[in-house]
Amino acid sequence: MSTTVDTSIHRALDRAFAAAPASDEAQDLKEEVRASLMARAADLEAAGAAPAEAARTALAEIGDLRDVVAAVADGPADDAGYAALLSAHRVRPRPAFVVRVTLAAVVLAGAAALVALVATGVLAWSAGAGTALAVVAGLATGVVVADALRQETTQNYPLPGGRALGFGAASAAVVTALGLGGLFAADLGRIWLAVAAGALLVAGVLGFVVLGVTQTNRHKPWTVELGRQAVGQDRFTREPEAAARFGIYSAALGLVAILAFVVLTMTVGLAWSWLALAAVVPLYFLLLARMLFPAGAGARGSAS
C-alpha cells in the first residue's frame, strides 16, 4: 500500500470524524471504516489502479462519510480532554519504520562514538578514517530525520518527500560538520577539516532556514482546532510572522558565532575562541526579549 493511498484515506477520515464525539464508539467506527477503505484500495491497486485513483474509488464506493459519522455524532463524549482526543486520533508507528530508525540510530551512535575516540586520540586512526566516520554519522542522522518526517503521526500528516529529504540533508550536513570540527580541534594543523566543516555547517544552517521559512501547515484538523481553543497571549502566537523572523535571526546569530569560533580558533587559538560562543547566549536572550516585547508595546497598551 502506497503512502498516497494511506494519506488520502487518513485525511478523508479525519475531516469526516472531526465533529464526532471523543468516544470509544466513534473511534471503533473510524478504525473499522479505515480498515475497510484500506483493504478495498489495496484490492484496486492489485488490479492495476494507480494509488491516487484507488483511494478515490474506495472513498466513492463507501459513499458520504458524513452519513457514516452521523451514527455516532449524537452520542455523548467519554472525555472532552486532550487525552481523549489524543486517543481518538492516535496513529501507531509502522513496524518497518521502527526497525529502520532503530538500525539507523545504532549506526549513528556507533559512528559518533568512534569519531569521538579518534578525535581524543584514544584510537590512533587516520584523519581520513575519522572523516569517513563523521560522514556515516551524518548520513545516519539524515536517514532518521527524513524517514521520521515522511511518517504520519497522531498530530501531523506526512511531510512531502522533497521537503523531508531537504531536512534530512540539512541535518546530515550539520552533524557531519560537528564531527569534522571535533577532528580539527584535535589536530589544528589540518585546515581542510575546518574548511569542510565550515562549508557543511553554513549549508546545513541555510537549508534549515529556507525550509523553516517556507514550511506550511501539516497539522491535522483536530490539532489545529485544539490550538485555536488555547491561543496564548505571547507575540509569537498572535503574530506568526514575528516567530518566523525570530527563527531567521536566531539562525543567523548562531551561524555568525560558529564562524567566529572557527576563525578565532585558527588565529588566536582554542583558549580564546570559545568566547565567541559564550557571547551568543546573552545576545540570544536579548533578541528573544526584543522580539517578544518590542519597543513601544507598553506605551501602546497604556494608551489603549
C-alpha atoms as a PDB file:
ATOM      1  CA  MET A   1       0.000   0.000   0.000  1.00  0.00           C
ATOM      2  CA  SER A   2       1.475   3.330  -1.052  1.00  0.00           C
ATOM      3  CA  THR A   3       1.817   6.454   1.087  1.00  0.00           C
ATOM      4  CA  THR A   4      -0.505   8.283  -1.333  1.00  0.00           C
ATOM      5  CA  VAL A   5      -3.366   5.894  -0.558  1.00  0.00           C
ATOM      6  CA  ASP A   6      -2.715   5.995   3.188  1.00  0.00           C
ATOM      7  CA  THR A   7      -2.609   9.792   3.330  1.00  0.00           C
ATOM      8  CA  SER A   8      -5.735  10.286   1.182  1.00  0.00           C
ATOM      9  CA  ILE A   9      -7.796   7.897   3.281  1.00  0.00           C
ATOM     10  CA  HIS A  10      -6.490   9.235   6.605  1.00  0.00           C
ATOM     11  CA  ARG A  11      -7.226  12.836   5.598  1.00  0.00           C
ATOM     12  CA  ALA A  12     -10.752  11.971   4.473  1.00  0.00           C
ATOM     13  CA  LEU A  13     -11.473  10.155   7.735  1.00  0.00           C
ATOM     14  CA  ASP A  14     -10.036  12.977   9.844  1.00  0.00           C
ATOM     15  CA  ARG A  15     -12.260  15.523   8.095  1.00  0.00           C
ATOM     16  CA  ALA A  16     -15.351  13.346   8.361  1.00  0.00           C
ATOM     17  CA  PHE A  17     -14.875  12.477  12.032  1.00  0.00           C
ATOM     18  CA  ALA A  18     -13.848  15.985  13.132  1.00  0.00           C
ATOM     19  CA  ALA A  19     -17.342  16.639  14.511  1.00  0.00           C
ATOM     20  CA  ALA A  20     -17.722  13.217  16.110  1.00  0.00           C
ATOM     21  CA  PRO A  21     -17.504  12.955  19.912  1.00  0.00           C
ATOM     22  CA  ALA A  22     -14.308  11.707  21.515  1.00  0.00           C
ATOM     23  CA  SER A  23     -15.840   8.373  22.448  1.00  0.00           C
ATOM     24  CA  ASP A  24     -14.814   4.729  22.173  1.00  0.00           C
ATOM     25  CA  GLU A  25     -17.754   4.119  19.848  1.00  0.00           C
ATOM     26  CA  ALA A  26     -16.640   6.835  17.425  1.00  0.00           C
ATOM     27  CA  GLN A  27     -13.040   5.616  17.477  1.00  0.00           C
ATOM     28  CA  ASP A  28     -14.080   1.996  16.876  1.00  0.00           C
ATOM     29  CA  LEU A  29     -16.243   3.051  13.937  1.00  0.00           C
ATOM     30  CA  LYS A  30     -13.442   5.167  12.491  1.00  0.00           C
ATOM     31  CA  GLU A  31     -10.948   2.290  12.670  1.00  0.00           C
ATOM     32  CA  GLU A  32     -13.483  -0.111  11.160  1.00  0.00           C
ATOM     33  CA  VAL A  33     -14.112   2.236   8.224  1.00  0.00           C
ATOM     34  CA  ARG A  34     -10.357   2.838   7.851  1.00  0.00           C
ATOM     35  CA  ALA A  35      -9.663  -0.900   7.643  1.00  0.00           C
ATOM     36  CA  SER A  36     -12.399  -1.378   5.030  1.00  0.00           C
ATOM     37  CA  LEU A  37     -11.118   1.504   2.899  1.00  0.00           C
ATOM     38  CA  MET A  38      -7.510   0.357   3.093  1.00  0.00           C
ATOM     39  CA  ALA A  39      -8.458  -3.199   2.136  1.00  0.00           C
ATOM     40  CA  ARG A  40     -10.567  -2.023  -0.820  1.00  0.00           C
ATOM     41  CA  ALA A  41      -7.820   0.339  -2.031  1.00  0.00           C
ATOM     42  CA  ALA A  42      -5.289  -2.493  -1.799  1.00  0.00           C
ATOM     43  CA  ASP A  43      -7.535  -4.687  -3.966  1.00  0.00           C
ATOM     44  CA  LEU A  44      -7.856  -1.902  -6.552  1.00  0.00           C
ATOM     45  CA  GLU A  45      -4.083  -1.365  -6.601  1.00  0.00           C
ATOM     46  CA  ALA A  46      -3.520  -5.088  -7.069  1.00  0.00           C
ATOM     47  CA  ALA A  47      -5.906  -4.928 -10.041  1.00  0.00           C
ATOM     48  CA  GLY A  48      -3.717  -2.280 -11.661  1.00  0.00           C
ATOM     49  CA  ALA A  49      -5.234   1.011 -10.470  1.00  0.00           C
ATOM     50  CA  ALA A  50      -2.939   3.926  -9.663  1.00  0.00           C
ATOM     51  CA  PRO A  51      -2.600   4.705  -5.918  1.00  0.00           C
ATOM     52  CA  ALA A  52      -4.466   8.033  -6.091  1.00  0.00           C
ATOM     53  CA  GLU A  53      -7.235   6.517  -8.227  1.00  0.00           C
ATOM     54  CA  ALA A  54      -7.536   3.531  -5.882  1.00  0.00           C
ATOM     55  CA  ALA A  55      -8.034   5.843  -2.900  1.00  0.00           C
ATOM     56  CA  ARG A  56     -10.656   7.941  -4.734  1.00  0.00           C
ATOM     57  CA  THR A  57     -12.559   4.878  -5.883  1.00  0.00           C
ATOM     58  CA  ALA A  58     -12.591   3.312  -2.415  1.00  0.00           C
ATOM     59  CA  LEU A  59     -13.877   6.553  -0.874  1.00  0.00           C
ATOM     60  CA  ALA A  60     -16.511   6.963  -3.604  1.00  0.00           C
ATOM     61  CA  GLU A  61     -17.794   3.412  -3.128  1.00  0.00           C
ATOM     62  CA  ILE A  62     -18.368   3.847   0.594  1.00  0.00           C
ATOM     63  CA  GLY A  63     -20.470   6.955  -0.033  1.00  0.00           C
ATOM     64  CA  ASP A  64     -20.723  10.139   2.002  1.00  0.00           C
ATOM     65  CA  LEU A  65     -18.667   9.639   5.156  1.00  0.00           C
ATOM     66  CA  ARG A  66     -20.777  12.223   6.935  1.00  0.00           C
ATOM     67  CA  ASP A  67     -23.686   9.782   6.890  1.00  0.00           C
ATOM     68  CA  VAL A  68     -21.443   7.181   8.489  1.00  0.00           C
ATOM     69  CA  VAL A  69     -20.363   9.625  11.201  1.00  0.00           C
ATOM     70  CA  ALA A  70     -23.983  10.643  11.874  1.00  0.00           C
ATOM     71  CA  ALA A  71     -24.472   7.287  13.567  1.00  0.00           C
ATOM     72  CA  VAL A  72     -22.277   8.366  16.452  1.00  0.00           C
ATOM     73  CA  ALA A  73     -22.376  12.167  16.181  1.00  0.00           C
ATOM     74  CA  ASP A  74     -25.244  12.462  18.669  1.00  0.00           C
ATOM     75  CA  GLY A  75     -23.611  10.194  21.236  1.00  0.00           C
ATOM     76  CA  PRO A  76     -22.005  11.612  24.400  1.00  0.00           C
ATOM     77  CA  ALA A  77     -18.251  12.062  24.543  1.00  0.00           C
ATOM     78  CA  ASP A  78     -16.384   9.977  27.079  1.00  0.00           C
ATOM     79  CA  ASP A  79     -13.998  12.794  27.919  1.00  0.00           C
ATOM     80  CA  ALA A  80     -13.520  16.167  26.230  1.00  0.00           C
ATOM     81  CA  GLY A  81      -9.965  16.422  27.462  1.00  0.00           C
ATOM     82  CA  TYR A  82      -6.749  16.284  25.499  1.00  0.00           C
ATOM     83  CA  ALA A  83      -6.077  12.661  26.472  1.00  0.00           C
ATOM     84  CA  ALA A  84      -9.374  11.550  24.941  1.00  0.00           C
ATOM     85  CA  LEU A  85      -8.698  13.463  21.719  1.00  0.00           C
ATOM     86  CA  LEU A  86      -5.206  12.009  21.551  1.00  0.00           C
ATOM     87  CA  SER A  87      -6.556   8.505  21.969  1.00  0.00           C
ATOM     88  CA  ALA A  88      -9.309   9.045  19.400  1.00  0.00           C
ATOM     89  CA  HIS A  89      -6.891  10.225  16.695  1.00  0.00           C
ATOM     90  CA  ARG A  90      -3.927   8.054  17.582  1.00  0.00           C
ATOM     91  CA  VAL A  91      -1.801   6.699  14.731  1.00  0.00           C
ATOM     92  CA  ARG A  92       0.537   3.867  15.631  1.00  0.00           C
ATOM     93  CA  PRO A  93       4.075   3.828  14.148  1.00  0.00           C
ATOM     94  CA  ARG A  94       4.626   1.294  11.409  1.00  0.00           C
ATOM     95  CA  PRO A  95       6.828  -1.652  12.435  1.00  0.00           C
ATOM     96  CA  ALA A  96       9.046  -1.241   9.367  1.00  0.00           C
ATOM     97  CA  PHE A  97       9.678   2.402  10.278  1.00  0.00           C
ATOM     98  CA  VAL A  98      10.599   1.480  13.853  1.00  0.00           C
ATOM     99  CA  VAL A  99      13.076  -1.131  12.572  1.00  0.00           C
ATOM    100  CA  ARG A 100      14.658   1.307  10.082  1.00  0.00           C
ATOM    101  CA  VAL A 101      15.039   4.097  12.623  1.00  0.00           C
ATOM    102  CA  THR A 102      16.431   1.742  15.254  1.00  0.00           C
ATOM    103  CA  LEU A 103      19.096   0.440  12.865  1.00  0.00           C
ATOM    104  CA  ALA A 104      19.991   3.969  11.714  1.00  0.00           C
ATOM    105  CA  ALA A 105      20.201   5.131  15.339  1.00  0.00           C
ATOM    106  CA  VAL A 106      22.580   2.266  16.172  1.00  0.00           C
ATOM    107  CA  VAL A 107      24.792   3.221  13.226  1.00  0.00           C
ATOM    108  CA  LEU A 108      24.685   6.876  14.285  1.00  0.00           C
ATOM    109  CA  ALA A 109      25.625   6.106  17.887  1.00  0.00           C
ATOM    110  CA  GLY A 110      28.465   3.815  16.850  1.00  0.00           C
ATOM    111  CA  ALA A 111      29.911   6.230  14.287  1.00  0.00           C
ATOM    112  CA  ALA A 112      29.648   9.193  16.670  1.00  0.00           C
ATOM    113  CA  ALA A 113      31.396   7.249  19.434  1.00  0.00           C
ATOM    114  CA  LEU A 114      34.233   6.241  17.099  1.00  0.00           C
ATOM    115  CA  VAL A 115      34.641   9.844  15.875  1.00  0.00           C
ATOM    116  CA  ALA A 116      34.950  10.982  19.492  1.00  0.00           C
ATOM    117  CA  LEU A 117      37.562   8.291  20.190  1.00  0.00           C
ATOM    118  CA  VAL A 118      39.564   9.290  17.109  1.00  0.00           C
ATOM    119  CA  ALA A 119      39.335  12.998  17.970  1.00  0.00           C
ATOM    120  CA  THR A 120      40.531  12.410  21.543  1.00  0.00           C
ATOM    121  CA  GLY A 121      43.396  10.183  20.426  1.00  0.00           C
ATOM    122  CA  VAL A 122      42.126   7.021  22.058  1.00  0.00           C
ATOM    123  CA  LEU A 123      42.053   5.381  18.645  1.00  0.00           C
ATOM    124  CA  ALA A 124      45.128   6.063  16.523  1.00  0.00           C
ATOM    125  CA  TRP A 125      43.192   6.102  13.272  1.00  0.00           C
ATOM    126  CA  SER A 126      43.935   8.447  10.389  1.00  0.00           C
ATOM    127  CA  ALA A 127      42.092  11.693   9.763  1.00  0.00           C
ATOM    128  CA  GLY A 128      40.615  10.090   6.648  1.00  0.00           C
ATOM    129  CA  ALA A 129      39.051   7.320   8.717  1.00  0.00           C
ATOM    130  CA  GLY A 130      37.679   9.871  11.156  1.00  0.00           C
ATOM    131  CA  THR A 131      36.230  11.881   8.278  1.00  0.00           C
ATOM    132  CA  ALA A 132      34.548   8.780   6.870  1.00  0.00           C
ATOM    133  CA  LEU A 133      33.008   8.051  10.271  1.00  0.00           C
ATOM    134  CA  ALA A 134      31.743  11.636  10.535  1.00  0.00           C
ATOM    135  CA  VAL A 135      30.110  11.270   7.117  1.00  0.00           C
ATOM    136  CA  VAL A 136      28.499   7.979   8.194  1.00  0.00           C
ATOM    137  CA  ALA A 137      27.139   9.637  11.353  1.00  0.00           C
ATOM    138  CA  GLY A 138      25.761  12.496   9.260  1.00  0.00           C
ATOM    139  CA  LEU A 139      24.099  10.167   6.754  1.00  0.00           C
ATOM    140  CA  ALA A 140      22.542   8.097   9.546  1.00  0.00           C
ATOM    141  CA  THR A 141      21.145  11.293  11.073  1.00  0.00           C
ATOM    142  CA  GLY A 142      19.737  12.335   7.714  1.00  0.00           C
ATOM    143  CA  VAL A 143      18.037   8.963   7.290  1.00  0.00           C
ATOM    144  CA  VAL A 144      16.406   9.192  10.727  1.00  0.00           C
ATOM    145  CA  VAL A 145      15.170  12.761  10.196  1.00  0.00           C
ATOM    146  CA  ALA A 146      13.895  12.250   6.638  1.00  0.00           C
ATOM    147  CA  ASP A 147      12.219   8.932   7.419  1.00  0.00           C
ATOM    148  CA  ALA A 148      10.545  10.315  10.536  1.00  0.00           C
ATOM    149  CA  LEU A 149       9.154  13.332   8.674  1.00  0.00           C
ATOM    150  CA  ARG A 150       7.724  11.053   5.970  1.00  0.00           C
ATOM    151  CA  GLN A 151       5.586   9.217   8.554  1.00  0.00           C
ATOM    152  CA  GLU A 152       2.080  10.160   9.536  1.00  0.00           C
ATOM    153  CA  THR A 153       1.765  10.800  13.261  1.00  0.00           C
ATOM    154  CA  THR A 154      -1.126  11.362  15.610  1.00  0.00           C
ATOM    155  CA  GLN A 155      -0.834  15.128  15.183  1.00  0.00           C
ATOM    156  CA  ASN A 156       0.798  15.608  11.764  1.00  0.00           C
ATOM    157  CA  TYR A 157       0.381  14.456   8.177  1.00  0.00           C
ATOM    158  CA  PRO A 158       3.488  13.150   6.363  1.00  0.00           C
ATOM    159  CA  LEU A 159       5.842  15.777   5.007  1.00  0.00           C
ATOM    160  CA  PRO A 160       6.255  15.735   1.197  1.00  0.00           C
ATOM    161  CA  GLY A 161       9.200  13.635   0.052  1.00  0.00           C
ATOM    162  CA  GLY A 162      11.263  16.527  -1.288  1.00  0.00           C
ATOM    163  CA  ARG A 163      10.984  18.595   1.880  1.00  0.00           C
ATOM    164  CA  ALA A 164      11.673  15.563   4.090  1.00  0.00           C
ATOM    165  CA  LEU A 165      14.836  14.873   2.089  1.00  0.00           C
ATOM    166  CA  GLY A 166      15.783  18.546   2.442  1.00  0.00           C
ATOM    167  CA  PHE A 167      15.514  18.406   6.235  1.00  0.00           C
ATOM    168  CA  GLY A 168      17.426  15.132   6.220  1.00  0.00           C
ATOM    169  CA  ALA A 169      20.213  16.605   4.072  1.00  0.00           C
ATOM    170  CA  ALA A 170      20.471  19.699   6.289  1.00  0.00           C
ATOM    171  CA  SER A 171      20.666  17.509   9.397  1.00  0.00           C
ATOM    172  CA  ALA A 172      23.322  15.321   7.777  1.00  0.00           C
ATOM    173  CA  ALA A 173      25.393  18.381   6.852  1.00  0.00           C
ATOM    174  CA  VAL A 174      25.274  19.833  10.382  1.00  0.00           C
ATOM    175  CA  VAL A 175      26.139  16.542  12.112  1.00  0.00           C
ATOM    176  CA  THR A 176      28.974  15.858   9.670  1.00  0.00           C
ATOM    177  CA  ALA A 177      30.264  19.397  10.261  1.00  0.00           C
ATOM    178  CA  LEU A 178      30.275  18.834  14.020  1.00  0.00           C
ATOM    179  CA  GLY A 179      32.264  15.621  13.560  1.00  0.00           C
ATOM    180  CA  LEU A 180      34.807  17.301  11.300  1.00  0.00           C
ATOM    181  CA  GLY A 181      35.029  20.207  13.745  1.00  0.00           C
ATOM    182  CA  GLY A 182      35.895  17.800  16.549  1.00  0.00           C
ATOM    183  CA  LEU A 183      38.614  16.208  14.442  1.00  0.00           C
ATOM    184  CA  PHE A 184      40.015  19.642  13.601  1.00  0.00           C
ATOM    185  CA  ALA A 185      40.052  20.676  17.270  1.00  0.00           C
ATOM    186  CA  ALA A 186      42.189  17.605  17.963  1.00  0.00           C
ATOM    187  CA  ASP A 187      44.634  18.451  15.161  1.00  0.00           C
ATOM    188  CA  LEU A 188      44.697  22.176  14.346  1.00  0.00           C
ATOM    189  CA  GLY A 189      47.186  21.602  11.565  1.00  0.00           C
ATOM    190  CA  ARG A 190      44.574  20.077   9.277  1.00  0.00           C
ATOM    191  CA  ILE A 191      42.993  23.275   7.933  1.00  0.00           C
ATOM    192  CA  TRP A 192      40.993  21.367   5.339  1.00  0.00           C
ATOM    193  CA  LEU A 193      38.907  19.868   8.139  1.00  0.00           C
ATOM    194  CA  ALA A 194      37.933  23.353   9.331  1.00  0.00           C
ATOM    195  CA  VAL A 195      37.117  24.483   5.802  1.00  0.00           C
ATOM    196  CA  ALA A 196      34.966  21.421   5.124  1.00  0.00           C
ATOM    197  CA  ALA A 197      33.226  21.727   8.493  1.00  0.00           C
ATOM    198  CA  GLY A 198      32.511  25.424   7.936  1.00  0.00           C
ATOM    199  CA  ALA A 199      31.110  24.846   4.444  1.00  0.00           C
ATOM    200  CA  LEU A 200      28.855  21.999   5.592  1.00  0.00           C
ATOM    201  CA  LEU A 201      27.688  23.963   8.629  1.00  0.00           C
ATOM    202  CA  VAL A 202      26.776  27.006   6.547  1.00  0.00           C
ATOM    203  CA  ALA A 203      24.956  24.808   4.024  1.00  0.00           C
ATOM    204  CA  GLY A 204      23.053  22.961   6.756  1.00  0.00           C
ATOM    205  CA  VAL A 205      22.000  26.097   8.642  1.00  0.00           C
ATOM    206  CA  LEU A 206      20.913  27.833   5.442  1.00  0.00           C
ATOM    207  CA  GLY A 207      18.961  24.714   4.491  1.00  0.00           C
ATOM    208  CA  PHE A 208      17.112  24.752   7.823  1.00  0.00           C
ATOM    209  CA  VAL A 209      16.380  28.483   7.454  1.00  0.00           C
ATOM    210  CA  VAL A 210      14.970  28.129   3.933  1.00  0.00           C
ATOM    211  CA  LEU A 211      12.912  25.047   4.801  1.00  0.00           C
ATOM    212  CA  GLY A 212      11.664  26.590   8.036  1.00  0.00           C
ATOM    213  CA  VAL A 213      10.605  29.886   6.461  1.00  0.00           C
ATOM    214  CA  THR A 214       8.745  28.116   3.629  1.00  0.00           C
ATOM    215  CA  GLN A 215       7.135  25.483   5.855  1.00  0.00           C
ATOM    216  CA  THR A 216       3.356  25.178   5.543  1.00  0.00           C
ATOM    217  CA  ASN A 217       0.885  23.696   7.983  1.00  0.00           C
ATOM    218  CA  ARG A 218       0.942  19.905   8.253  1.00  0.00           C
ATOM    219  CA  HIS A 219      -1.033  19.643  11.495  1.00  0.00           C
ATOM    220  CA  LYS A 220      -4.226  17.620  11.463  1.00  0.00           C
ATOM    221  CA  PRO A 221      -7.562  19.469  11.816  1.00  0.00           C
ATOM    222  CA  TRP A 222      -8.173  18.324  15.393  1.00  0.00           C
ATOM    223  CA  THR A 223      -4.747  19.628  16.453  1.00  0.00           C
ATOM    224  CA  VAL A 224      -5.299  22.974  14.733  1.00  0.00           C
ATOM    225  CA  GLU A 225      -8.716  23.357  16.346  1.00  0.00           C
ATOM    226  CA  LEU A 226      -7.312  22.481  19.760  1.00  0.00           C
ATOM    227  CA  GLY A 227      -4.639  25.137  19.255  1.00  0.00           C
ATOM    228  CA  ARG A 228      -7.255  27.732  18.359  1.00  0.00           C
ATOM    229  CA  GLN A 229      -9.107  26.978  21.568  1.00  0.00           C
ATOM    230  CA  ALA A 230      -5.957  27.530  23.614  1.00  0.00           C
ATOM    231  CA  VAL A 231      -4.472  30.577  21.905  1.00  0.00           C
ATOM    232  CA  GLY A 232      -1.783  32.130  24.052  1.00  0.00           C
ATOM    233  CA  GLN A 233      -1.171  35.807  24.603  1.00  0.00           C
ATOM    234  CA  ASP A 234       2.514  35.982  23.647  1.00  0.00           C
ATOM    235  CA  ARG A 235       3.538  37.792  20.500  1.00  0.00           C
ATOM    236  CA  PHE A 236       4.772  34.699  18.687  1.00  0.00           C
ATOM    237  CA  THR A 237       1.333  33.085  18.991  1.00  0.00           C
ATOM    238  CA  ARG A 238      -0.518  36.203  17.860  1.00  0.00           C
ATOM    239  CA  GLU A 239       1.956  37.092  15.104  1.00  0.00           C
ATOM    240  CA  PRO A 240       3.366  34.046  13.280  1.00  0.00           C
ATOM    241  CA  GLU A 241       5.457  36.338  11.070  1.00  0.00           C
ATOM    242  CA  ALA A 242       7.283  37.590  14.181  1.00  0.00           C
ATOM    243  CA  ALA A 243       8.060  33.998  15.150  1.00  0.00           C
ATOM    244  CA  ALA A 244       9.399  33.357  11.649  1.00  0.00           C
ATOM    245  CA  ARG A 245      11.643  36.430  11.826  1.00  0.00           C
ATOM    246  CA  PHE A 246      12.924  35.331  15.233  1.00  0.00           C
ATOM    247  CA  GLY A 247      13.843  31.939  13.805  1.00  0.00           C
ATOM    248  CA  ILE A 248      15.765  33.547  10.937  1.00  0.00           C
ATOM    249  CA  TYR A 249      17.559  35.989  13.256  1.00  0.00           C
ATOM    250  CA  SER A 250      18.466  33.162  15.649  1.00  0.00           C
ATOM    251  CA  ALA A 251      19.870  31.031  12.840  1.00  0.00           C
ATOM    252  CA  ALA A 252      21.897  33.963  11.518  1.00  0.00           C
ATOM    253  CA  LEU A 253      23.223  34.730  15.004  1.00  0.00           C
ATOM    254  CA  GLY A 254      24.252  31.119  15.550  1.00  0.00           C
ATOM    255  CA  LEU A 255      25.932  30.958  12.140  1.00  0.00           C
ATOM    256  CA  VAL A 256      27.964  34.100  12.820  1.00  0.00           C
ATOM    257  CA  ALA A 257      29.016  32.764  16.228  1.00  0.00           C
ATOM    258  CA  ILE A 258      30.175  29.440  14.801  1.00  0.00           C
ATOM    259  CA  LEU A 259      32.116  31.111  12.004  1.00  0.00           C
ATOM    260  CA  ALA A 260      33.717  33.455  14.545  1.00  0.00           C
ATOM    261  CA  PHE A 261      34.636  30.413  16.648  1.00  0.00           C
ATOM    262  CA  VAL A 262      36.357  28.769  13.671  1.00  0.00           C
ATOM    263  CA  VAL A 263      38.209  31.960  12.688  1.00  0.00           C
ATOM    264  CA  LEU A 264      39.384  32.651  16.242  1.00  0.00           C
ATOM    265  CA  THR A 265      40.491  29.031  16.652  1.00  0.00           C
ATOM    266  CA  MET A 266      42.629  29.310  13.526  1.00  0.00           C
ATOM    267  CA  THR A 267      44.115  32.699  14.536  1.00  0.00           C
ATOM    268  CA  VAL A 268      44.397  33.170  18.308  1.00  0.00           C
ATOM    269  CA  GLY A 269      43.810  29.575  19.420  1.00  0.00           C
ATOM    270  CA  LEU A 270      41.168  27.455  21.137  1.00  0.00           C
ATOM    271  CA  ALA A 271      41.806  29.087  24.518  1.00  0.00           C
ATOM    272  CA  TRP A 272      40.016  32.277  23.357  1.00  0.00           C
ATOM    273  CA  SER A 273      37.743  31.128  20.565  1.00  0.00           C
ATOM    274  CA  TRP A 274      35.082  29.787  22.959  1.00  0.00           C
ATOM    275  CA  LEU A 275      34.309  33.392  23.946  1.00  0.00           C
ATOM    276  CA  ALA A 276      32.546  33.780  20.594  1.00  0.00           C
ATOM    277  CA  LEU A 277      30.060  31.090  21.604  1.00  0.00           C
ATOM    278  CA  ALA A 278      29.715  32.465  25.136  1.00  0.00           C
ATOM    279  CA  ALA A 279      28.833  35.899  23.757  1.00  0.00           C
ATOM    280  CA  VAL A 280      25.937  34.428  21.784  1.00  0.00           C
ATOM    281  CA  VAL A 281      23.970  33.400  24.890  1.00  0.00           C
ATOM    282  CA  PRO A 282      23.194  36.909  26.232  1.00  0.00           C
ATOM    283  CA  LEU A 283      22.690  38.186  22.679  1.00  0.00           C
ATOM    284  CA  TYR A 284      20.170  35.419  22.036  1.00  0.00           C
ATOM    285  CA  PHE A 285      18.145  36.223  25.150  1.00  0.00           C
ATOM    286  CA  LEU A 286      18.288  39.928  24.314  1.00  0.00           C
ATOM    287  CA  LEU A 287      16.960  39.128  20.832  1.00  0.00           C
ATOM    288  CA  LEU A 288      14.212  36.982  22.345  1.00  0.00           C
ATOM    289  CA  ALA A 289      13.181  39.764  24.719  1.00  0.00           C
ATOM    290  CA  ARG A 290      13.158  42.358  21.935  1.00  0.00           C
ATOM    291  CA  MET A 291      11.034  40.119  19.715  1.00  0.00           C
ATOM    292  CA  LEU A 292       8.530  39.148  22.410  1.00  0.00           C
ATOM    293  CA  PHE A 293       8.306  42.660  23.874  1.00  0.00           C
ATOM    294  CA  PRO A 294       9.009  45.167  21.090  1.00  0.00           C
ATOM    295  CA  ALA A 295       9.784  48.774  21.954  1.00  0.00           C
ATOM    296  CA  GLY A 296       6.643  50.834  22.319  1.00  0.00           C
ATOM    297  CA  ALA A 297       4.380  47.882  23.114  1.00  0.00           C
ATOM    298  CA  GLY A 298       3.930  49.011  26.697  1.00  0.00           C
ATOM    299  CA  ALA A 299       3.159  52.546  25.661  1.00  0.00           C
ATOM    300  CA  ARG A 300       0.561  51.365  23.146  1.00  0.00           C
ATOM    301  CA  GLY A 301      -1.024  49.152  25.772  1.00  0.00           C
ATOM    302  CA  SER A 302      -1.234  52.062  28.222  1.00  0.00           C
ATOM    303  CA  ALA A 303      -2.682  54.339  25.586  1.00  0.00           C
ATOM    304  CA  SER A 304      -5.390  51.854  24.729  1.00  0.00           C
END
